[in-house]
Amino acid sequence: MTDTPIDEMTFEQAMAELERVVSQLEHGDVALEASITLYERGAQLKKRCETKLKEAEEKVAAITLDGQGTPTGTTPVDGL
Protein backbone atom coordinates (compact mmCIF):
# COMPACT_ATOMS: atom_id res chain seq x y z
CA MET A 1 0.00 0.00 0.00
CA THR A 2 1.14 3.54 -0.65
CA ASP A 3 1.39 6.41 1.79
CA THR A 4 -0.69 8.63 -0.50
CA PRO A 5 -4.16 9.29 0.93
CA ILE A 6 -6.82 7.75 -1.31
CA ASP A 7 -8.57 11.09 -1.86
CA GLU A 8 -5.32 12.49 -3.32
CA MET A 9 -4.58 9.57 -5.66
CA THR A 10 -4.76 9.86 -9.40
CA PHE A 11 -6.96 7.39 -11.25
CA GLU A 12 -3.90 5.41 -12.25
CA GLN A 13 -2.54 5.23 -8.69
CA ALA A 14 -5.90 4.13 -7.28
CA MET A 15 -6.38 1.54 -10.01
CA ALA A 16 -2.88 0.07 -9.52
CA GLU A 17 -3.40 -0.23 -5.78
CA LEU A 18 -6.88 -1.70 -6.28
CA GLU A 19 -5.34 -4.35 -8.53
CA ARG A 20 -2.81 -5.18 -5.79
CA VAL A 21 -5.58 -5.45 -3.18
CA VAL A 22 -7.66 -7.74 -5.40
CA SER A 23 -4.63 -9.91 -6.10
CA GLN A 24 -3.90 -10.31 -2.39
CA LEU A 25 -7.52 -11.19 -1.66
CA GLU A 26 -7.66 -13.68 -4.53
CA HIS A 27 -4.60 -15.55 -3.28
CA GLY A 28 -6.40 -16.15 0.00
CA ASP A 29 -3.23 -16.26 2.08
CA VAL A 30 -4.17 -13.21 4.15
CA ALA A 31 -5.51 -13.51 7.70
CA LEU A 32 -9.20 -12.76 8.22
CA GLU A 33 -8.70 -9.36 9.89
CA ALA A 34 -6.22 -8.31 7.22
CA SER A 35 -8.67 -9.47 4.53
CA ILE A 36 -11.39 -7.30 6.01
CA THR A 37 -9.05 -4.31 6.07
CA LEU A 38 -7.99 -4.99 2.48
CA TYR A 39 -11.61 -5.33 1.37
CA GLU A 40 -12.51 -1.98 2.98
CA ARG A 41 -9.53 -0.31 1.33
CA GLY A 42 -10.49 -1.87 -1.99
CA ALA A 43 -13.98 -0.41 -1.67
CA GLN A 44 -12.51 3.04 -1.03
CA LEU A 45 -10.15 2.69 -4.00
CA LYS A 46 -13.03 1.58 -6.24
CA LYS A 47 -15.00 4.65 -5.21
CA ARG A 48 -11.99 6.88 -5.98
CA CYS A 49 -11.66 5.34 -9.45
CA GLU A 50 -15.37 5.86 -10.12
CA THR A 51 -15.12 9.51 -9.01
CA LYS A 52 -12.12 10.20 -11.24
CA LEU A 53 -13.84 8.52 -14.22
CA LYS A 54 -16.98 10.60 -13.68
CA GLU A 55 -14.86 13.78 -13.60
CA ALA A 56 -13.21 12.77 -16.87
CA GLU A 57 -16.57 12.00 -18.48
CA GLU A 58 -17.89 15.41 -17.46
CA LYS A 59 -14.84 17.12 -18.97
CA VAL A 60 -15.26 15.22 -22.23
CA ALA A 61 -18.97 16.04 -22.30
CA ALA A 62 -18.13 19.73 -21.87
CA ILE A 63 -16.07 19.92 -25.08
CA THR A 64 -17.86 22.20 -27.52
CA LEU A 65 -18.00 21.47 -31.23
CA ASP A 66 -18.47 23.80 -34.19
CA GLY A 67 -21.00 23.16 -36.95
CA GLN A 68 -18.67 20.65 -38.63
CA GLY A 69 -18.04 18.68 -35.45
CA THR A 70 -14.57 20.10 -34.81
CA PRO A 71 -13.72 20.76 -31.14
CA THR A 72 -13.52 24.51 -30.58
CA GLY A 73 -13.10 24.77 -26.84
CA THR A 74 -14.59 23.67 -23.61
CA THR A 75 -17.54 24.72 -21.58
CA PRO A 76 -16.75 25.17 -17.88
CA VAL A 77 -18.16 22.38 -15.74
CA ASP A 78 -19.12 23.31 -12.20
CA GLY A 79 -16.70 21.97 -9.60
CA LEU A 80 -13.93 21.03 -12.05
PDB file of N, CA and C in Angstrom:
ATOM      1  N   MET A   1       0.842  -1.182   0.000  1.00  0.00           N
ATOM      2  CA  MET A   1       0.000   0.000   0.000  1.00  0.00           C
ATOM      3  C   MET A   1       0.882   1.238   0.000  1.00  0.00           C
ATOM      4  N   THR A   2       0.381   2.299  -0.584  1.00  0.00           N
ATOM      5  CA  THR A   2       1.139   3.537  -0.648  1.00  0.00           C
ATOM      6  C   THR A   2       0.794   4.429   0.529  1.00  0.00           C
ATOM      7  N   ASP A   3       1.645   5.436   0.728  1.00  0.00           N
ATOM      8  CA  ASP A   3       1.394   6.411   1.790  1.00  0.00           C
ATOM      9  C   ASP A   3       0.464   7.524   1.331  1.00  0.00           C
ATOM     10  N   THR A   4       0.172   7.582   0.040  1.00  0.00           N
ATOM     11  CA  THR A   4      -0.688   8.632  -0.498  1.00  0.00           C
ATOM     12  C   THR A   4      -2.123   8.409  -0.039  1.00  0.00           C
ATOM     13  N   PRO A   5      -2.749   9.441   0.555  1.00  0.00           N
ATOM     14  CA  PRO A   5      -4.161   9.294   0.926  1.00  0.00           C
ATOM     15  C   PRO A   5      -5.003   9.006  -0.322  1.00  0.00           C
ATOM     16  N   ILE A   6      -6.000   8.156  -0.171  1.00  0.00           N
ATOM     17  CA  ILE A   6      -6.821   7.751  -1.311  1.00  0.00           C
ATOM     18  C   ILE A   6      -7.443   8.954  -2.012  1.00  0.00           C
ATOM     19  N   ASP A   7      -7.902   9.943  -1.239  1.00  0.00           N
ATOM     20  CA  ASP A   7      -8.569  11.094  -1.862  1.00  0.00           C
ATOM     21  C   ASP A   7      -7.607  12.010  -2.610  1.00  0.00           C
ATOM     22  N   GLU A   8      -6.309  11.710  -2.564  1.00  0.00           N
ATOM     23  CA  GLU A   8      -5.318  12.488  -3.320  1.00  0.00           C
ATOM     24  C   GLU A   8      -4.725  11.689  -4.475  1.00  0.00           C
ATOM     25  N   MET A   9      -5.136  10.440  -4.618  1.00  0.00           N
ATOM     26  CA  MET A   9      -4.582   9.575  -5.660  1.00  0.00           C
ATOM     27  C   MET A   9      -5.138   9.939  -7.030  1.00  0.00           C
ATOM     28  N   THR A  10      -4.289   9.767  -8.028  1.00  0.00           N
ATOM     29  CA  THR A  10      -4.760   9.864  -9.401  1.00  0.00           C
ATOM     30  C   THR A  10      -5.540   8.591  -9.712  1.00  0.00           C
ATOM     31  N   PHE A  11      -6.239   8.593 -10.824  1.00  0.00           N
ATOM     32  CA  PHE A  11      -6.961   7.392 -11.246  1.00  0.00           C
ATOM     33  C   PHE A  11      -5.992   6.221 -11.374  1.00  0.00           C
ATOM     34  N   GLU A  12      -4.862   6.470 -12.001  1.00  0.00           N
ATOM     35  CA  GLU A  12      -3.896   5.409 -12.248  1.00  0.00           C
ATOM     36  C   GLU A  12      -3.339   4.839 -10.948  1.00  0.00           C
ATOM     37  N   GLN A  13      -3.050   5.695  -9.975  1.00  0.00           N
ATOM     38  CA  GLN A  13      -2.543   5.226  -8.692  1.00  0.00           C
ATOM     39  C   GLN A  13      -3.590   4.371  -7.981  1.00  0.00           C
ATOM     40  N   ALA A  14      -4.826   4.859  -7.951  1.00  0.00           N
ATOM     41  CA  ALA A  14      -5.903   4.127  -7.281  1.00  0.00           C
ATOM     42  C   ALA A  14      -6.158   2.790  -7.967  1.00  0.00           C
ATOM     43  N   MET A  15      -6.141   2.773  -9.277  1.00  0.00           N
ATOM     44  CA  MET A  15      -6.383   1.536 -10.013  1.00  0.00           C
ATOM     45  C   MET A  15      -5.262   0.519  -9.756  1.00  0.00           C
ATOM     46  N   ALA A  16      -4.011   0.979  -9.762  1.00  0.00           N
ATOM     47  CA  ALA A  16      -2.883   0.071  -9.515  1.00  0.00           C
ATOM     48  C   ALA A  16      -2.966  -0.528  -8.113  1.00  0.00           C
ATOM     49  N   GLU A  17      -3.291   0.293  -7.134  1.00  0.00           N
ATOM     50  CA  GLU A  17      -3.404  -0.227  -5.775  1.00  0.00           C
ATOM     51  C   GLU A  17      -4.606  -1.158  -5.646  1.00  0.00           C
ATOM     52  N   LEU A  18      -5.709  -0.829  -6.296  1.00  0.00           N
ATOM     53  CA  LEU A  18      -6.881  -1.697  -6.277  1.00  0.00           C
ATOM     54  C   LEU A  18      -6.532  -3.065  -6.858  1.00  0.00           C
ATOM     55  N   GLU A  19      -5.760  -3.089  -7.924  1.00  0.00           N
ATOM     56  CA  GLU A  19      -5.339  -4.353  -8.525  1.00  0.00           C
ATOM     57  C   GLU A  19      -4.491  -5.169  -7.547  1.00  0.00           C
ATOM     58  N   ARG A  20      -3.621  -4.490  -6.784  1.00  0.00           N
ATOM     59  CA  ARG A  20      -2.806  -5.184  -5.793  1.00  0.00           C
ATOM     60  C   ARG A  20      -3.694  -5.766  -4.678  1.00  0.00           C
ATOM     61  N   VAL A  21      -4.668  -4.994  -4.233  1.00  0.00           N
ATOM     62  CA  VAL A  21      -5.580  -5.448  -3.183  1.00  0.00           C
ATOM     63  C   VAL A  21      -6.346  -6.674  -3.663  1.00  0.00           C
ATOM     64  N   VAL A  22      -6.895  -6.612  -4.860  1.00  0.00           N
ATOM     65  CA  VAL A  22      -7.660  -7.738  -5.405  1.00  0.00           C
ATOM     66  C   VAL A  22      -6.773  -8.978  -5.515  1.00  0.00           C
ATOM     67  N   SER A  23      -5.555  -8.788  -5.968  1.00  0.00           N
ATOM     68  CA  SER A  23      -4.628  -9.912  -6.101  1.00  0.00           C
ATOM     69  C   SER A  23      -4.366 -10.567  -4.749  1.00  0.00           C
ATOM     70  N   GLN A  24      -4.140  -9.759  -3.726  1.00  0.00           N
ATOM     71  CA  GLN A  24      -3.902 -10.308  -2.389  1.00  0.00           C
ATOM     72  C   GLN A  24      -5.126 -11.080  -1.890  1.00  0.00           C
ATOM     73  N   LEU A  25      -6.301 -10.523  -2.107  1.00  0.00           N
ATOM     74  CA  LEU A  25      -7.521 -11.192  -1.656  1.00  0.00           C
ATOM     75  C   LEU A  25      -7.765 -12.491  -2.425  1.00  0.00           C
ATOM     76  N   GLU A  26      -7.451 -12.487  -3.716  1.00  0.00           N
ATOM     77  CA  GLU A  26      -7.664 -13.684  -4.532  1.00  0.00           C
ATOM     78  C   GLU A  26      -6.748 -14.834  -4.118  1.00  0.00           C
ATOM     79  N   HIS A  27      -5.540 -14.499  -3.689  1.00  0.00           N
ATOM     80  CA  HIS A  27      -4.603 -15.549  -3.282  1.00  0.00           C
ATOM     81  C   HIS A  27      -5.054 -16.240  -1.994  1.00  0.00           C
ATOM     82  N   GLY A  28      -5.827 -15.531  -1.182  1.00  0.00           N
ATOM     83  CA  GLY A  28      -6.400 -16.147   0.005  1.00  0.00           C
ATOM     84  C   GLY A  28      -5.427 -16.469   1.114  1.00  0.00           C
ATOM     85  N   ASP A  29      -4.209 -15.959   1.031  1.00  0.00           N
ATOM     86  CA  ASP A  29      -3.231 -16.263   2.080  1.00  0.00           C
ATOM     87  C   ASP A  29      -3.090 -15.120   3.088  1.00  0.00           C
ATOM     88  N   VAL A  30      -4.151 -14.335   3.228  1.00  0.00           N
ATOM     89  CA  VAL A  30      -4.173 -13.205   4.149  1.00  0.00           C
ATOM     90  C   VAL A  30      -5.099 -13.570   5.313  1.00  0.00           C
ATOM     91  N   ALA A  31      -4.684 -13.228   6.519  1.00  0.00           N
ATOM     92  CA  ALA A  31      -5.510 -13.511   7.695  1.00  0.00           C
ATOM     93  C   ALA A  31      -6.854 -12.793   7.585  1.00  0.00           C
ATOM     94  N   LEU A  32      -7.838 -13.288   8.312  1.00  0.00           N
ATOM     95  CA  LEU A  32      -9.197 -12.762   8.225  1.00  0.00           C
ATOM     96  C   LEU A  32      -9.253 -11.257   8.487  1.00  0.00           C
ATOM     97  N   GLU A  33      -8.660 -10.799   9.572  1.00  0.00           N
ATOM     98  CA  GLU A  33      -8.703  -9.364   9.895  1.00  0.00           C
ATOM     99  C   GLU A  33      -8.029  -8.535   8.805  1.00  0.00           C
ATOM    100  N   ALA A  34      -6.918  -9.023   8.291  1.00  0.00           N
ATOM    101  CA  ALA A  34      -6.224  -8.315   7.216  1.00  0.00           C
ATOM    102  C   ALA A  34      -7.074  -8.315   5.948  1.00  0.00           C
ATOM    103  N   SER A  35      -7.789  -9.403   5.704  1.00  0.00           N
ATOM    104  CA  SER A  35      -8.667  -9.474   4.532  1.00  0.00           C
ATOM    105  C   SER A  35      -9.775  -8.438   4.624  1.00  0.00           C
ATOM    106  N   ILE A  36     -10.334  -8.292   5.811  1.00  0.00           N
ATOM    107  CA  ILE A  36     -11.393  -7.298   6.007  1.00  0.00           C
ATOM    108  C   ILE A  36     -10.859  -5.902   5.756  1.00  0.00           C
ATOM    109  N   THR A  37      -9.673  -5.618   6.279  1.00  0.00           N
ATOM    110  CA  THR A  37      -9.052  -4.308   6.070  1.00  0.00           C
ATOM    111  C   THR A  37      -8.776  -4.075   4.587  1.00  0.00           C
ATOM    112  N   LEU A  38      -8.258  -5.104   3.921  1.00  0.00           N
ATOM    113  CA  LEU A  38      -7.992  -4.988   2.482  1.00  0.00           C
ATOM    114  C   LEU A  38      -9.279  -4.760   1.698  1.00  0.00           C
ATOM    115  N   TYR A  39     -10.326  -5.484   2.056  1.00  0.00           N
ATOM    116  CA  TYR A  39     -11.609  -5.330   1.368  1.00  0.00           C
ATOM    117  C   TYR A  39     -12.133  -3.905   1.522  1.00  0.00           C
ATOM    118  N   GLU A  40     -12.053  -3.357   2.735  1.00  0.00           N
ATOM    119  CA  GLU A  40     -12.513  -1.985   2.979  1.00  0.00           C
ATOM    120  C   GLU A  40     -11.696  -0.991   2.165  1.00  0.00           C
ATOM    121  N   ARG A  41     -10.381  -1.198   2.121  1.00  0.00           N
ATOM    122  CA  ARG A  41      -9.525  -0.307   1.333  1.00  0.00           C
ATOM    123  C   ARG A  41      -9.870  -0.438  -0.152  1.00  0.00           C
ATOM    124  N   GLY A  42     -10.111  -1.657  -0.596  1.00  0.00           N
ATOM    125  CA  GLY A  42     -10.489  -1.874  -1.988  1.00  0.00           C
ATOM    126  C   GLY A  42     -11.768  -1.132  -2.346  1.00  0.00           C
ATOM    127  N   ALA A  43     -12.727  -1.131  -1.431  1.00  0.00           N
ATOM    128  CA  ALA A  43     -13.983  -0.414  -1.672  1.00  0.00           C
ATOM    129  C   ALA A  43     -13.736   1.086  -1.792  1.00  0.00           C
ATOM    130  N   GLN A  44     -12.843   1.609  -0.962  1.00  0.00           N
ATOM    131  CA  GLN A  44     -12.512   3.039  -1.034  1.00  0.00           C
ATOM    132  C   GLN A  44     -11.786   3.355  -2.339  1.00  0.00           C
ATOM    133  N   LEU A  45     -10.885   2.481  -2.743  1.00  0.00           N
ATOM    134  CA  LEU A  45     -10.150   2.688  -4.000  1.00  0.00           C
ATOM    135  C   LEU A  45     -11.095   2.624  -5.198  1.00  0.00           C
ATOM    136  N   LYS A  46     -12.038   1.689  -5.164  1.00  0.00           N
ATOM    137  CA  LYS A  46     -13.034   1.584  -6.240  1.00  0.00           C
ATOM    138  C   LYS A  46     -13.838   2.872  -6.349  1.00  0.00           C
ATOM    139  N   LYS A  47     -14.244   3.395  -5.216  1.00  0.00           N
ATOM    140  CA  LYS A  47     -15.002   4.648  -5.206  1.00  0.00           C
ATOM    141  C   LYS A  47     -14.167   5.792  -5.787  1.00  0.00           C
ATOM    142  N   ARG A  48     -12.879   5.836  -5.444  1.00  0.00           N
ATOM    143  CA  ARG A  48     -11.992   6.885  -5.976  1.00  0.00           C
ATOM    144  C   ARG A  48     -11.894   6.764  -7.500  1.00  0.00           C
ATOM    145  N   CYS A  49     -11.742   5.543  -7.994  1.00  0.00           N
ATOM    146  CA  CYS A  49     -11.660   5.342  -9.449  1.00  0.00           C
ATOM    147  C   CYS A  49     -12.948   5.799 -10.125  1.00  0.00           C
ATOM    148  N   GLU A  50     -14.085   5.453  -9.551  1.00  0.00           N
ATOM    149  CA  GLU A  50     -15.370   5.865 -10.118  1.00  0.00           C
ATOM    150  C   GLU A  50     -15.502   7.384 -10.143  1.00  0.00           C
ATOM    151  N   THR A  51     -15.059   8.040  -9.076  1.00  0.00           N
ATOM    152  CA  THR A  51     -15.118   9.506  -9.006  1.00  0.00           C
ATOM    153  C   THR A  51     -14.253  10.132 -10.086  1.00  0.00           C
ATOM    154  N   LYS A  52     -13.034   9.633 -10.240  1.00  0.00           N
ATOM    155  CA  LYS A  52     -12.124  10.197 -11.244  1.00  0.00           C
ATOM    156  C   LYS A  52     -12.657   9.946 -12.657  1.00  0.00           C
ATOM    157  N   LEU A  53     -13.254   8.791 -12.901  1.00  0.00           N
ATOM    158  CA  LEU A  53     -13.841   8.521 -14.220  1.00  0.00           C
ATOM    159  C   LEU A  53     -15.008   9.454 -14.504  1.00  0.00           C
ATOM    160  N   LYS A  54     -15.841   9.693 -13.504  1.00  0.00           N
ATOM    161  CA  LYS A  54     -16.979  10.599 -13.678  1.00  0.00           C
ATOM    162  C   LYS A  54     -16.482  12.005 -13.999  1.00  0.00           C
ATOM    163  N   GLU A  55     -15.436  12.456 -13.314  1.00  0.00           N
ATOM    164  CA  GLU A  55     -14.863  13.779 -13.602  1.00  0.00           C
ATOM    165  C   GLU A  55     -14.373  13.846 -15.042  1.00  0.00           C
ATOM    166  N   ALA A  56     -13.710  12.797 -15.496  1.00  0.00           N
ATOM    167  CA  ALA A  56     -13.206  12.772 -16.871  1.00  0.00           C
ATOM    168  C   ALA A  56     -14.358  12.789 -17.872  1.00  0.00           C
ATOM    169  N   GLU A  57     -15.403  12.021 -17.597  1.00  0.00           N
ATOM    170  CA  GLU A  57     -16.569  11.997 -18.483  1.00  0.00           C
ATOM    171  C   GLU A  57     -17.210  13.373 -18.581  1.00  0.00           C
ATOM    172  N   GLU A  58     -17.287  14.071 -17.460  1.00  0.00           N
ATOM    173  CA  GLU A  58     -17.891  15.408 -17.465  1.00  0.00           C
ATOM    174  C   GLU A  58     -17.040  16.387 -18.271  1.00  0.00           C
ATOM    175  N   LYS A  59     -15.730  16.251 -18.179  1.00  0.00           N
ATOM    176  CA  LYS A  59     -14.842  17.124 -18.966  1.00  0.00           C
ATOM    177  C   LYS A  59     -15.014  16.856 -20.452  1.00  0.00           C
ATOM    178  N   VAL A  60     -15.087  15.579 -20.817  1.00  0.00           N
ATOM    179  CA  VAL A  60     -15.264  15.222 -22.231  1.00  0.00           C
ATOM    180  C   VAL A  60     -16.611  15.736 -22.725  1.00  0.00           C
ATOM    181  N   ALA A  61     -17.643  15.594 -21.914  1.00  0.00           N
ATOM    182  CA  ALA A  61     -18.975  16.042 -22.303  1.00  0.00           C
ATOM    183  C   ALA A  61     -19.035  17.552 -22.470  1.00  0.00           C
ATOM    184  N   ALA A  62     -18.114  18.275 -21.817  1.00  0.00           N
ATOM    185  CA  ALA A  62     -18.131  19.726 -21.868  1.00  0.00           C
ATOM    186  C   ALA A  62     -17.399  20.286 -23.083  1.00  0.00           C
ATOM    187  N   ILE A  63     -16.763  19.439 -23.884  1.00  0.00           N
ATOM    188  CA  ILE A  63     -16.068  19.922 -25.077  1.00  0.00           C
ATOM    189  C   ILE A  63     -17.107  20.418 -26.069  1.00  0.00           C
ATOM    190  N   THR A  64     -16.915  21.643 -26.560  1.00  0.00           N
ATOM    191  CA  THR A  64     -17.858  22.203 -27.516  1.00  0.00           C
ATOM    192  C   THR A  64     -17.368  21.951 -28.942  1.00  0.00           C
ATOM    193  N   LEU A  65     -18.310  21.738 -29.827  1.00  0.00           N
ATOM    194  CA  LEU A  65     -17.995  21.469 -31.227  1.00  0.00           C
ATOM    195  C   LEU A  65     -18.580  22.566 -32.101  1.00  0.00           C
ATOM    196  N   ASP A  66     -17.904  22.847 -33.244  1.00  0.00           N
ATOM    197  CA  ASP A  66     -18.468  23.799 -34.188  1.00  0.00           C
ATOM    198  C   ASP A  66     -19.453  23.058 -35.095  1.00  0.00           C
ATOM    199  N   GLY A  67     -19.995  23.732 -36.070  1.00  0.00           N
ATOM    200  CA  GLY A  67     -20.996  23.160 -36.954  1.00  0.00           C
ATOM    201  C   GLY A  67     -20.524  21.944 -37.721  1.00  0.00           C
ATOM    202  N   GLN A  68     -19.213  21.786 -37.892  1.00  0.00           N
ATOM    203  CA  GLN A  68     -18.671  20.649 -38.629  1.00  0.00           C
ATOM    204  C   GLN A  68     -18.184  19.535 -37.695  1.00  0.00           C
ATOM    205  N   GLY A  69     -18.423  19.709 -36.409  1.00  0.00           N
ATOM    206  CA  GLY A  69     -18.036  18.682 -35.450  1.00  0.00           C
ATOM    207  C   GLY A  69     -16.610  18.785 -34.962  1.00  0.00           C
ATOM    208  N   THR A  70     -15.942  19.905 -35.250  1.00  0.00           N
ATOM    209  CA  THR A  70     -14.565  20.101 -34.807  1.00  0.00           C
ATOM    210  C   THR A  70     -14.565  20.721 -33.413  1.00  0.00           C
ATOM    211  N   PRO A  71     -13.780  20.162 -32.479  1.00  0.00           N
ATOM    212  CA  PRO A  71     -13.721  20.762 -31.135  1.00  0.00           C
ATOM    213  C   PRO A  71     -13.214  22.193 -31.215  1.00  0.00           C
ATOM    214  N   THR A  72     -13.905  23.096 -30.548  1.00  0.00           N
ATOM    215  CA  THR A  72     -13.518  24.511 -30.578  1.00  0.00           C
ATOM    216  C   THR A  72     -13.145  25.041 -29.208  1.00  0.00           C
ATOM    217  N   GLY A  73     -13.404  24.300 -28.185  1.00  0.00           N
ATOM    218  CA  GLY A  73     -13.104  24.771 -26.840  1.00  0.00           C
ATOM    219  C   GLY A  73     -13.874  23.930 -25.848  1.00  0.00           C
ATOM    220  N   THR A  74     -13.861  24.404 -24.632  1.00  0.00           N
ATOM    221  CA  THR A  74     -14.593  23.672 -23.614  1.00  0.00           C
ATOM    222  C   THR A  74     -15.560  24.603 -22.897  1.00  0.00           C
ATOM    223  N   THR A  75     -16.586  24.009 -22.385  1.00  0.00           N
ATOM    224  CA  THR A  75     -17.544  24.716 -21.584  1.00  0.00           C
ATOM    225  C   THR A  75     -17.202  24.438 -20.124  1.00  0.00           C
ATOM    226  N   PRO A  76     -17.086  25.447 -19.283  1.00  0.00           N
ATOM    227  CA  PRO A  76     -16.753  25.166 -17.878  1.00  0.00           C
ATOM    228  C   PRO A  76     -17.783  24.241 -17.245  1.00  0.00           C
ATOM    229  N   VAL A  77     -17.290  23.297 -16.463  1.00  0.00           N
ATOM    230  CA  VAL A  77     -18.156  22.384 -15.740  1.00  0.00           C
ATOM    231  C   VAL A  77     -18.022  22.741 -14.277  1.00  0.00           C
ATOM    232  N   ASP A  78     -19.139  22.949 -13.607  1.00  0.00           N
ATOM    233  CA  ASP A  78     -19.115  23.310 -12.203  1.00  0.00           C
ATOM    234  C   ASP A  78     -18.311  22.315 -11.396  1.00  0.00           C
ATOM    235  N   GLY A  79     -17.448  22.812 -10.503  1.00  0.00           N
ATOM    236  CA  GLY A  79     -16.697  21.967  -9.603  1.00  0.00           C
ATOM    237  C   GLY A  79     -15.446  21.352 -10.196  1.00  0.00           C
ATOM    238  N   LEU A  80     -15.136  21.612 -11.455  1.00  0.00           N
ATOM    239  CA  LEU A  80     -13.930  21.026 -12.046  1.00  0.00           C
ATOM    240  C   LEU A  80     -12.927  22.100 -12.364  1.00  0.00           C
TER     241      LEU A  80
END
